[in-house]
Amino acid sequence: MDTDQKKSRAKEVAQAVLSGRIGMLDACRELARLGDTPGVMSEEIHIVFLGAHSETDHLPLGAVRDLWDPQVLLEKDRQIAEMEAHWRDRVLAACWNILDQHPRT
């Protein structure tokens, strides 16, 4: 994927977060990876996604959840909710900034 494609994907993911179509922490993981490429997003925005990803990389998200014990997932889901609440304002602001940086053409 080239830089323009990564910018486009970052915009899609940011919009999906803002519309509630994708989980915030799942999005942070993808946006942290996309932001590793210079020019995809500003460093200030990238740091938000990196921080959220770093603090939550131990939590089961996506398909890997199928491999976890349902009882353990109850506690992990509580932790996920806490981390989403902790990061919500910063992540939403960063998503809006991505859309502002990359207006629709």
PDB file of N, CA and C in Angstrom:
ATOM      1  N   MET A   1       0.845  -1.169   0.000  1.00  0.00           N
ATOM      2  CA  MET A   1       0.000   0.000   0.000  1.00  0.00           C
ATOM      3  C   MET A   1       0.897   1.241   0.000  1.00  0.00           C
ATOM      4  N   ASP A   2       0.657   2.157  -0.918  1.00  0.00           N
ATOM      5  CA  ASP A   2       1.460   3.380  -0.947  1.00  0.00           C
ATOM      6  C   ASP A   2       0.877   4.417   0.028  1.00  0.00           C
ATOM      7  N   THR A   3       1.547   5.538   0.173  1.00  0.00           N
ATOM      8  CA  THR A   3       1.157   6.555   1.147  1.00  0.00           C
ATOM      9  C   THR A   3      -0.252   7.070   0.891  1.00  0.00           C
ATOM     10  N   ASP A   4      -0.596   7.335  -0.366  1.00  0.00           N
ATOM     11  CA  ASP A   4      -1.940   7.827  -0.663  1.00  0.00           C
ATOM     12  C   ASP A   4      -3.011   6.805  -0.300  1.00  0.00           C
ATOM     13  N   GLN A   5      -2.743   5.544  -0.544  1.00  0.00           N
ATOM     14  CA  GLN A   5      -3.694   4.499  -0.171  1.00  0.00           C
ATOM     15  C   GLN A   5      -3.824   4.409   1.347  1.00  0.00           C
ATOM     16  N   LYS A   6      -2.722   4.565   2.060  1.00  0.00           N
ATOM     17  CA  LYS A   6      -2.767   4.542   3.521  1.00  0.00           C
ATOM     18  C   LYS A   6      -3.514   5.750   4.067  1.00  0.00           C
ATOM     19  N   LYS A   7      -3.341   6.917   3.447  1.00  0.00           N
ATOM     20  CA  LYS A   7      -4.109   8.105   3.849  1.00  0.00           C
ATOM     21  C   LYS A   7      -5.599   7.854   3.665  1.00  0.00           C
ATOM     22  N   SER A   8      -5.942   7.272   2.529  1.00  0.00           N
ATOM     23  CA  SER A   8      -7.338   6.978   2.232  1.00  0.00           C
ATOM     24  C   SER A   8      -7.902   5.980   3.242  1.00  0.00           C
ATOM     25  N   ARG A   9      -7.130   4.953   3.543  1.00  0.00           N
ATOM     26  CA  ARG A   9      -7.574   3.947   4.523  1.00  0.00           C
ATOM     27  C   ARG A   9      -7.710   4.574   5.905  1.00  0.00           C
ATOM     28  N   ALA A  10      -6.778   5.442   6.289  1.00  0.00           N
ATOM     29  CA  ALA A  10      -6.859   6.111   7.591  1.00  0.00           C
ATOM     30  C   ALA A  10      -8.144   6.925   7.675  1.00  0.00           C
ATOM     31  N   LYS A  11      -8.496   7.593   6.597  1.00  0.00           N
ATOM     32  CA  LYS A  11      -9.725   8.384   6.554  1.00  0.00           C
ATOM     33  C   LYS A  11     -10.952   7.473   6.690  1.00  0.00           C
ATOM     34  N   GLU A  12     -10.926   6.335   6.008  1.00  0.00           N
ATOM     35  CA  GLU A  12     -12.042   5.384   6.101  1.00  0.00           C
ATOM     36  C   GLU A  12     -12.203   4.872   7.528  1.00  0.00           C
ATOM     37  N   VAL A  13     -11.083   4.515   8.163  1.00  0.00           N
ATOM     38  CA  VAL A  13     -11.138   3.993   9.523  1.00  0.00           C
ATOM     39  C   VAL A  13     -11.613   5.076  10.491  1.00  0.00           C
ATOM     40  N   ALA A  14     -11.098   6.290  10.336  1.00  0.00           N
ATOM     41  CA  ALA A  14     -11.522   7.397  11.201  1.00  0.00           C
ATOM     42  C   ALA A  14     -13.025   7.625  11.076  1.00  0.00           C
ATOM     43  N   GLN A  15     -13.539   7.620   9.859  1.00  0.00           N
ATOM     44  CA  GLN A  15     -14.976   7.807   9.641  1.00  0.00           C
ATOM     45  C   GLN A  15     -15.762   6.660  10.263  1.00  0.00           C
ATOM     46  N   ALA A  16     -15.248   5.441  10.167  1.00  0.00           N
ATOM     47  CA  ALA A  16     -15.935   4.284  10.743  1.00  0.00           C
ATOM     48  C   ALA A  16     -15.995   4.384  12.272  1.00  0.00           C
ATOM     49  N   VAL A  17     -14.947   4.915  12.883  1.00  0.00           N
ATOM     50  CA  VAL A  17     -14.967   5.125  14.337  1.00  0.00           C
ATOM     51  C   VAL A  17     -16.044   6.143  14.685  1.00  0.00           C
ATOM     52  N   LEU A  18     -16.040   7.256  13.983  1.00  0.00           N
ATOM     53  CA  LEU A  18     -16.973   8.337  14.291  1.00  0.00           C
ATOM     54  C   LEU A  18     -18.429   7.940  14.072  1.00  0.00           C
ATOM     55  N   SER A  19     -18.664   7.019  13.160  1.00  0.00           N
ATOM     56  CA  SER A  19     -20.034   6.568  12.903  1.00  0.00           C
ATOM     57  C   SER A  19     -20.398   5.318  13.700  1.00  0.00           C
ATOM     58  N   GLY A  20     -19.438   4.796  14.476  1.00  0.00           N
ATOM     59  CA  GLY A  20     -19.710   3.632  15.307  1.00  0.00           C
ATOM     60  C   GLY A  20     -19.685   2.300  14.591  1.00  0.00           C
ATOM     61  N   ARG A  21     -19.128   2.264  13.384  1.00  0.00           N
ATOM     62  CA  ARG A  21     -19.082   1.017  12.616  1.00  0.00           C
ATOM     63  C   ARG A  21     -17.900   0.137  12.981  1.00  0.00           C
ATOM     64  N   ILE A  22     -16.934   0.671  13.718  1.00  0.00           N
ATOM     65  CA  ILE A  22     -15.759  -0.098  14.113  1.00  0.00           C
ATOM     66  C   ILE A  22     -15.428   0.270  15.556  1.00  0.00           C
ATOM     67  N   GLY A  23     -14.952  -0.711  16.291  1.00  0.00           N
ATOM     68  CA  GLY A  23     -14.573  -0.465  17.672  1.00  0.00           C
ATOM     69  C   GLY A  23     -13.378   0.472  17.761  1.00  0.00           C
ATOM     70  N   MET A  24     -13.395   1.305  18.770  1.00  0.00           N
ATOM     71  CA  MET A  24     -12.363   2.318  18.930  1.00  0.00           C
ATOM     72  C   MET A  24     -10.972   1.694  19.072  1.00  0.00           C
ATOM     73  N   LEU A  25     -10.854   0.668  19.883  1.00  0.00           N
ATOM     74  CA  LEU A  25      -9.529   0.083  20.104  1.00  0.00           C
ATOM     75  C   LEU A  25      -9.040  -0.695  18.887  1.00  0.00           C
ATOM     76  N   ASP A  26      -9.947  -1.366  18.192  1.00  0.00           N
ATOM     77  CA  ASP A  26      -9.572  -2.022  16.932  1.00  0.00           C
ATOM     78  C   ASP A  26      -9.036  -0.982  15.952  1.00  0.00           C
ATOM     79  N   ALA A  27      -9.726   0.142  15.875  1.00  0.00           N
ATOM     80  CA  ALA A  27      -9.315   1.210  14.967  1.00  0.00           C
ATOM     81  C   ALA A  27      -7.956   1.769  15.357  1.00  0.00           C
ATOM     82  N   CYS A  28      -7.724   1.934  16.652  1.00  0.00           N
ATOM     83  CA  CYS A  28      -6.432   2.460  17.104  1.00  0.00           C
ATOM     84  C   CYS A  28      -5.286   1.566  16.668  1.00  0.00           C
ATOM     85  N   ARG A  29      -5.504   0.273  16.719  1.00  0.00           N
ATOM     86  CA  ARG A  29      -4.455  -0.658  16.287  1.00  0.00           C
ATOM     87  C   ARG A  29      -4.134  -0.458  14.807  1.00  0.00           C
ATOM     88  N   GLU A  30      -5.162  -0.357  13.991  1.00  0.00           N
ATOM     89  CA  GLU A  30      -4.923  -0.164  12.558  1.00  0.00           C
ATOM     90  C   GLU A  30      -4.337   1.214  12.273  1.00  0.00           C
ATOM     91  N   LEU A  31      -4.871   2.239  12.922  1.00  0.00           N
ATOM     92  CA  LEU A  31      -4.376   3.596  12.673  1.00  0.00           C
ATOM     93  C   LEU A  31      -2.952   3.778  13.175  1.00  0.00           C
ATOM     94  N   ALA A  32      -2.584   3.095  14.242  1.00  0.00           N
ATOM     95  CA  ALA A  32      -1.195   3.156  14.718  1.00  0.00           C
ATOM     96  C   ALA A  32      -0.256   2.585  13.650  1.00  0.00           C
ATOM     97  N   ARG A  33      -0.658   1.474  13.028  1.00  0.00           N
ATOM     98  CA  ARG A  33       0.165   0.882  11.957  1.00  0.00           C
ATOM     99  C   ARG A  33       0.224   1.798  10.736  1.00  0.00           C
ATOM    100  N   LEU A  34      -0.924   2.315  10.327  1.00  0.00           N
ATOM    101  CA  LEU A  34      -0.958   3.193   9.158  1.00  0.00           C
ATOM    102  C   LEU A  34      -0.107   4.440   9.383  1.00  0.00           C
ATOM    103  N   GLY A  35      -0.137   4.970  10.583  1.00  0.00           N
ATOM    104  CA  GLY A  35       0.597   6.183  10.902  1.00  0.00           C
ATOM    105  C   GLY A  35       2.094   6.002  10.970  1.00  0.00           C
ATOM    106  N   ASP A  36       2.568   4.753  10.934  1.00  0.00           N
ATOM    107  CA  ASP A  36       4.008   4.503  10.906  1.00  0.00           C
ATOM    108  C   ASP A  36       4.638   5.005   9.606  1.00  0.00           C
ATOM    109  N   THR A  37       3.819   5.173   8.571  1.00  0.00           N
ATOM    110  CA  THR A  37       4.307   5.686   7.295  1.00  0.00           C
ATOM    111  C   THR A  37       4.269   7.212   7.320  1.00  0.00           C
ATOM    112  N   PRO A  38       5.416   7.852   7.123  1.00  0.00           N
ATOM    113  CA  PRO A  38       5.439   9.321   7.120  1.00  0.00           C
ATOM    114  C   PRO A  38       4.461   9.886   6.092  1.00  0.00           C
ATOM    115  N   GLY A  39       3.766  10.955   6.490  1.00  0.00           N
ATOM    116  CA  GLY A  39       2.850  11.623   5.591  1.00  0.00           C
ATOM    117  C   GLY A  39       1.417  11.149   5.660  1.00  0.00           C
ATOM    118  N   VAL A  40       1.171  10.060   6.387  1.00  0.00           N
ATOM    119  CA  VAL A  40      -0.200   9.557   6.482  1.00  0.00           C
ATOM    120  C   VAL A  40      -1.013  10.400   7.456  1.00  0.00           C
ATOM    121  N   MET A  41      -0.391  10.796   8.559  1.00  0.00           N
ATOM    122  CA  MET A  41      -1.044  11.649   9.554  1.00  0.00           C
ATOM    123  C   MET A  41       0.042  12.395  10.311  1.00  0.00           C
ATOM    124  N   SER A  42      -0.348  13.437  11.010  1.00  0.00           N
ATOM    125  CA  SER A  42       0.639  14.191  11.782  1.00  0.00           C
ATOM    126  C   SER A  42       1.148  13.354  12.954  1.00  0.00           C
ATOM    127  N   GLU A  43       2.305  13.707  13.433  1.00  0.00           N
ATOM    128  CA  GLU A  43       2.890  12.978  14.565  1.00  0.00           C
ATOM    129  C   GLU A  43       2.006  13.088  15.806  1.00  0.00           C
ATOM    130  N   GLU A  44       1.400  14.269  16.035  1.00  0.00           N
ATOM    131  CA  GLU A  44       0.535  14.445  17.198  1.00  0.00           C
ATOM    132  C   GLU A  44      -0.650  13.493  17.174  1.00  0.00           C
ATOM    133  N   ILE A  45      -1.222  13.312  16.007  1.00  0.00           N
ATOM    134  CA  ILE A  45      -2.351  12.389  15.871  1.00  0.00           C
ATOM    135  C   ILE A  45      -1.876  10.947  16.017  1.00  0.00           C
ATOM    136  N   HIS A  46      -0.782  10.630  15.380  1.00  0.00           N
ATOM    137  CA  HIS A  46      -0.249   9.275  15.441  1.00  0.00           C
ATOM    138  C   HIS A  46       0.046   8.867  16.883  1.00  0.00           C
ATOM    139  N   ILE A  47       0.549   9.787  17.683  1.00  0.00           N
ATOM    140  CA  ILE A  47       0.879   9.493  19.086  1.00  0.00           C
ATOM    141  C   ILE A  47      -0.364   9.057  19.863  1.00  0.00           C
ATOM    142  N   VAL A  48      -1.515   9.632  19.558  1.00  0.00           N
ATOM    143  CA  VAL A  48      -2.751   9.224  20.231  1.00  0.00           C
ATOM    144  C   VAL A  48      -3.035   7.754  19.952  1.00  0.00           C
ATOM    145  N   PHE A  49      -2.966   7.360  18.701  1.00  0.00           N
ATOM    146  CA  PHE A  49      -3.259   5.967  18.342  1.00  0.00           C
ATOM    147  C   PHE A  49      -2.199   5.013  18.884  1.00  0.00           C
ATOM    148  N   LEU A  50      -0.954   5.440  18.841  1.00  0.00           N
ATOM    149  CA  LEU A  50       0.115   4.615  19.412  1.00  0.00           C
ATOM    150  C   LEU A  50      -0.093   4.418  20.904  1.00  0.00           C
ATOM    151  N   GLY A  51      -0.461   5.491  21.606  1.00  0.00           N
ATOM    152  CA  GLY A  51      -0.673   5.390  23.046  1.00  0.00           C
ATOM    153  C   GLY A  51      -1.806   4.448  23.394  1.00  0.00           C
ATOM    154  N   ALA A  52      -2.920   4.596  22.715  1.00  0.00           N
ATOM    155  CA  ALA A  52      -4.069   3.724  22.976  1.00  0.00           C
ATOM    156  C   ALA A  52      -3.725   2.277  22.648  1.00  0.00           C
ATOM    157  N   HIS A  53      -3.049   2.078  21.540  1.00  0.00           N
ATOM    158  CA  HIS A  53      -2.656   0.714  21.160  1.00  0.00           C
ATOM    159  C   HIS A  53      -1.696   0.120  22.178  1.00  0.00           C
ATOM    160  N   SER A  54      -0.722   0.892  22.593  1.00  0.00           N
ATOM    161  CA  SER A  54       0.275   0.417  23.547  1.00  0.00           C
ATOM    162  C   SER A  54      -0.364   0.013  24.871  1.00  0.00           C
ATOM    163  N   GLU A  55      -1.317   0.798  25.337  1.00  0.00           N
ATOM    164  CA  GLU A  55      -1.957   0.514  26.621  1.00  0.00           C
ATOM    165  C   GLU A  55      -2.977  -0.620  26.549  1.00  0.00           C
ATOM    166  N   THR A  56      -3.347  -1.025  25.342  1.00  0.00           N
ATOM    167  CA  THR A  56      -4.404  -2.037  25.220  1.00  0.00           C
ATOM    168  C   THR A  56      -3.987  -3.261  24.403  1.00  0.00           C
ATOM    169  N   ASP A  57      -2.705  -3.357  24.055  1.00  0.00           N
ATOM    170  CA  ASP A  57      -2.300  -4.460  23.169  1.00  0.00           C
ATOM    171  C   ASP A  57      -2.445  -5.837  23.819  1.00  0.00           C
ATOM    172  N   HIS A  58      -2.639  -5.878  25.123  1.00  0.00           N
ATOM    173  CA  HIS A  58      -2.830  -7.147  25.823  1.00  0.00           C
ATOM    174  C   HIS A  58      -4.293  -7.594  25.833  1.00  0.00           C
ATOM    175  N   LEU A  59      -5.181  -6.740  25.367  1.00  0.00           N
ATOM    176  CA  LEU A  59      -6.607  -7.048  25.394  1.00  0.00           C
ATOM    177  C   LEU A  59      -7.043  -7.755  24.116  1.00  0.00           C
ATOM    178  N   PRO A  60      -7.899  -8.769  24.240  1.00  0.00           N
ATOM    179  CA  PRO A  60      -8.341  -9.525  23.063  1.00  0.00           C
ATOM    180  C   PRO A  60      -9.407  -8.773  22.266  1.00  0.00           C
ATOM    181  N   LEU A  61      -9.083  -8.477  21.021  1.00  0.00           N
ATOM    182  CA  LEU A  61     -10.016  -7.813  20.118  1.00  0.00           C
ATOM    183  C   LEU A  61     -10.121  -8.621  18.833  1.00  0.00           C
ATOM    184  N   GLY A  62     -11.234  -8.494  18.170  1.00  0.00           N
ATOM    185  CA  GLY A  62     -11.394  -9.156  16.882  1.00  0.00           C
ATOM    186  C   GLY A  62     -11.529 -10.671  16.997  1.00  0.00           C
ATOM    187  N   ALA A  63     -11.075 -11.345  15.960  1.00  0.00           N
ATOM    188  CA  ALA A  63     -11.249 -12.801  15.845  1.00  0.00           C
ATOM    189  C   ALA A  63     -10.541 -13.587  16.934  1.00  0.00           C
ATOM    190  N   VAL A  64      -9.469 -13.025  17.512  1.00  0.00           N
ATOM    191  CA  VAL A  64      -8.728 -13.737  18.552  1.00  0.00           C
ATOM    192  C   VAL A  64      -9.601 -14.015  19.782  1.00  0.00           C
ATOM    193  N   ARG A  65     -10.663 -13.251  19.944  1.00  0.00           N
ATOM    194  CA  ARG A  65     -11.561 -13.453  21.079  1.00  0.00           C
ATOM    195  C   ARG A  65     -12.158 -14.857  21.089  1.00  0.00           C
ATOM    196  N   ASP A  66     -12.307 -15.454  19.907  1.00  0.00           N
ATOM    197  CA  ASP A  66     -12.859 -16.808  19.805  1.00  0.00           C
ATOM    198  C   ASP A  66     -11.977 -17.837  20.496  1.00  0.00           C
ATOM    199  N   LEU A  67     -10.717 -17.500  20.700  1.00  0.00           N
ATOM    200  CA  LEU A  67      -9.770 -18.428  21.312  1.00  0.00           C
ATOM    201  C   LEU A  67      -9.707 -18.291  22.838  1.00  0.00           C
ATOM    202  N   TRP A  68     -10.374 -17.303  23.376  1.00  0.00           N
ATOM    203  CA  TRP A  68     -10.319 -17.014  24.810  1.00  0.00           C
ATOM    204  C   TRP A  68     -11.461 -17.706  25.556  1.00  0.00           C
ATOM    205  N   ASP A  69     -11.206 -18.028  26.805  1.00  0.00           N
ATOM    206  CA  ASP A  69     -12.209 -18.590  27.703  1.00  0.00           C
ATOM    207  C   ASP A  69     -13.295 -17.537  27.948  1.00  0.00           C
ATOM    208  N   PRO A  70     -14.558 -17.901  27.787  1.00  0.00           N
ATOM    209  CA  PRO A  70     -15.643 -16.936  27.983  1.00  0.00           C
ATOM    210  C   PRO A  70     -15.639 -16.269  29.365  1.00  0.00           C
ATOM    211  N   GLN A  71     -15.241 -16.988  30.380  1.00  0.00           N
ATOM    212  CA  GLN A  71     -15.188 -16.408  31.732  1.00  0.00           C
ATOM    213  C   GLN A  71     -14.108 -15.339  31.821  1.00  0.00           C
ATOM    214  N   VAL A  72     -12.987 -15.583  31.209  1.00  0.00           N
ATOM    215  CA  VAL A  72     -11.894 -14.608  31.209  1.00  0.00           C
ATOM    216  C   VAL A  72     -12.297 -13.383  30.391  1.00  0.00           C
ATOM    217  N   LEU A  73     -13.044 -13.609  29.315  1.00  0.00           N
ATOM    218  CA  LEU A  73     -13.485 -12.501  28.473  1.00  0.00           C
ATOM    219  C   LEU A  73     -14.374 -11.513  29.227  1.00  0.00           C
ATOM    220  N   LEU A  74     -15.104 -11.999  30.221  1.00  0.00           N
ATOM    221  CA  LEU A  74     -15.934 -11.087  31.011  1.00  0.00           C
ATOM    222  C   LEU A  74     -15.076 -10.010  31.669  1.00  0.00           C
ATOM    223  N   GLU A  75     -13.973 -10.411  32.256  1.00  0.00           N
ATOM    224  CA  GLU A  75     -13.053  -9.449  32.883  1.00  0.00           C
ATOM    225  C   GLU A  75     -12.368  -8.591  31.823  1.00  0.00           C
ATOM    226  N   LYS A  76     -11.956  -9.197  30.718  1.00  0.00           N
ATOM    227  CA  LYS A  76     -11.295  -8.437  29.658  1.00  0.00           C
ATOM    228  C   LYS A  76     -12.253  -7.416  29.052  1.00  0.00           C
ATOM    229  N   ASP A  77     -13.520  -7.766  28.925  1.00  0.00           N
ATOM    230  CA  ASP A  77     -14.501  -6.820  28.392  1.00  0.00           C
ATOM    231  C   ASP A  77     -14.663  -5.617  29.319  1.00  0.00           C
ATOM    232  N   ARG A  78     -14.585  -5.840  30.612  1.00  0.00           N
ATOM    233  CA  ARG A  78     -14.636  -4.739  31.566  1.00  0.00           C
ATOM    234  C   ARG A  78     -13.430  -3.829  31.362  1.00  0.00           C
ATOM    235  N   GLN A  79     -12.262  -4.428  31.181  1.00  0.00           N
ATOM    236  CA  GLN A  79     -11.047  -3.653  30.941  1.00  0.00           C
ATOM    237  C   GLN A  79     -11.127  -2.888  29.619  1.00  0.00           C
ATOM    238  N   ILE A  80     -11.674  -3.523  28.601  1.00  0.00           N
ATOM    239  CA  ILE A  80     -11.839  -2.866  27.300  1.00  0.00           C
ATOM    240  C   ILE A  80     -12.738  -1.643  27.453  1.00  0.00           C
ATOM    241  N   ALA A  81     -13.847  -1.795  28.157  1.00  0.00           N
ATOM    242  CA  ALA A  81     -14.764  -0.666  28.355  1.00  0.00           C
ATOM    243  C   ALA A  81     -14.075   0.475  29.106  1.00  0.00           C
ATOM    244  N   GLU A  82     -13.284   0.136  30.106  1.00  0.00           N
ATOM    245  CA  GLU A  82     -12.552   1.164  30.854  1.00  0.00           C
ATOM    246  C   GLU A  82     -11.558   1.900  29.962  1.00  0.00           C
ATOM    247  N   MET A  83     -10.840   1.166  29.149  1.00  0.00           N
ATOM    248  CA  MET A  83      -9.844   1.791  28.279  1.00  0.00           C
ATOM    249  C   MET A  83     -10.512   2.622  27.184  1.00  0.00           C
ATOM    250  N   GLU A  84     -11.639   2.155  26.657  1.00  0.00           N
ATOM    251  CA  GLU A  84     -12.357   2.953  25.664  1.00  0.00           C
ATOM    252  C   GLU A  84     -12.821   4.271  26.278  1.00  0.00           C
ATOM    253  N   ALA A  85     -13.317   4.224  27.507  1.00  0.00           N
ATOM    254  CA  ALA A  85     -13.747   5.453  28.177  1.00  0.00           C
ATOM    255  C   ALA A  85     -12.552   6.378  28.421  1.00  0.00           C
ATOM    256  N   HIS A  86     -11.429   5.791  28.811  1.00  0.00           N
ATOM    257  CA  HIS A  86     -10.211   6.565  29.089  1.00  0.00           C
ATOM    258  C   HIS A  86      -9.702   7.285  27.834  1.00  0.00           C
ATOM    259  N   TRP A  87      -9.742   6.613  26.695  1.00  0.00           N
ATOM    260  CA  TRP A  87      -9.181   7.150  25.457  1.00  0.00           C
ATOM    261  C   TRP A  87     -10.191   7.853  24.565  1.00  0.00           C
ATOM    262  N   ARG A  88     -11.479   7.724  24.839  1.00  0.00           N
ATOM    263  CA  ARG A  88     -12.536   8.171  23.919  1.00  0.00           C
ATOM    264  C   ARG A  88     -12.332   9.592  23.380  1.00  0.00           C
ATOM    265  N   ASP A  89     -12.210  10.574  24.243  1.00  0.00           N
ATOM    266  CA  ASP A  89     -12.133  11.961  23.775  1.00  0.00           C
ATOM    267  C   ASP A  89     -10.923  12.195  22.877  1.00  0.00           C
ATOM    268  N   ARG A  90      -9.781  11.645  23.267  1.00  0.00           N
ATOM    269  CA  ARG A  90      -8.565  11.848  22.465  1.00  0.00           C
ATOM    270  C   ARG A  90      -8.658  11.136  21.123  1.00  0.00           C
ATOM    271  N   VAL A  91      -9.191   9.924  21.130  1.00  0.00           N
ATOM    272  CA  VAL A  91      -9.298   9.173  19.871  1.00  0.00           C
ATOM    273  C   VAL A  91     -10.300   9.835  18.933  1.00  0.00           C
ATOM    274  N   LEU A  92     -11.443  10.254  19.456  1.00  0.00           N
ATOM    275  CA  LEU A  92     -12.430  10.911  18.594  1.00  0.00           C
ATOM    276  C   LEU A  92     -11.873  12.200  18.009  1.00  0.00           C
ATOM    277  N   ALA A  93     -11.176  12.979  18.818  1.00  0.00           N
ATOM    278  CA  ALA A  93     -10.567  14.212  18.308  1.00  0.00           C
ATOM    279  C   ALA A  93      -9.533  13.905  17.234  1.00  0.00           C
ATOM    280  N   ALA A  94      -8.730  12.858  17.447  1.00  0.00           N
ATOM    281  CA  ALA A  94      -7.723  12.481  16.455  1.00  0.00           C
ATOM    282  C   ALA A  94      -8.385  12.022  15.158  1.00  0.00           C
ATOM    283  N   CYS A  95      -9.495  11.308  15.262  1.00  0.00           N
ATOM    284  CA  CYS A  95     -10.217  10.884  14.056  1.00  0.00           C
ATOM    285  C   CYS A  95     -10.752  12.089  13.290  1.00  0.00           C
ATOM    286  N   TRP A  96     -11.308  13.059  14.008  1.00  0.00           N
ATOM    287  CA  TRP A  96     -11.771  14.283  13.338  1.00  0.00           C
ATOM    288  C   TRP A  96     -10.605  14.992  12.668  1.00  0.00           C
ATOM    289  N   ASN A  97      -9.455  14.995  13.320  1.00  0.00           N
ATOM    290  CA  ASN A  97      -8.281  15.643  12.729  1.00  0.00           C
ATOM    291  C   ASN A  97      -7.833  14.945  11.448  1.00  0.00           C
ATOM    292  N   ILE A  98      -7.920  13.633  11.412  1.00  0.00           N
ATOM    293  CA  ILE A  98      -7.574  12.908  10.185  1.00  0.00           C
ATOM    294  C   ILE A  98      -8.497  13.350   9.053  1.00  0.00           C
ATOM    295  N   LEU A  99      -9.771  13.448   9.335  1.00  0.00           N
ATOM    296  CA  LEU A  99     -10.717  13.875   8.305  1.00  0.00           C
ATOM    297  C   LEU A  99     -10.455  15.308   7.874  1.00  0.00           C
ATOM    298  N   ASP A 100     -10.063  16.168   8.819  1.00  0.00           N
ATOM    299  CA  ASP A 100      -9.729  17.562   8.480  1.00  0.00           C
ATOM    300  C   ASP A 100      -8.459  17.647   7.644  1.00  0.00           C
ATOM    301  N   GLN A 101      -7.491  16.764   7.922  1.00  0.00           N
ATOM    302  CA  GLN A 101      -6.240  16.755   7.171  1.00  0.00           C
ATOM    303  C   GLN A 101      -6.430  16.226   5.766  1.00  0.00           C
ATOM    304  N   HIS A 102      -7.373  15.344   5.597  1.00  0.00           N
ATOM    305  CA  HIS A 102      -7.580  14.676   4.314  1.00  0.00           C
ATOM    306  C   HIS A 102      -9.019  14.872   3.872  1.00  0.00           C
ATOM    307  N   PRO A 103      -9.392  16.096   3.498  1.00  0.00           N
ATOM    308  CA  PRO A 103     -10.775  16.336   3.083  1.00  0.00           C
ATOM    309  C   PRO A 103     -11.146  15.497   1.861  1.00  0.00           C
ATOM    310  N   ARG A 104     -12.404  15.236   1.759  1.00  0.00           N
ATOM    311  CA  ARG A 104     -12.894  14.470   0.599  1.00  0.00           C
ATOM    312  C   ARG A 104     -12.670  15.271  -0.667  1.00  0.00           C
ATOM    313  N   THR A 105     -12.325  14.557  -1.713  1.00  0.00           N
ATOM    314  CA  THR A 105     -12.074  15.224  -2.993  1.00  0.00           C
ATOM    315  C   THR A 105     -13.154  14.864  -3.986  1.00  0.00           C
TER     316      THR A 105
END
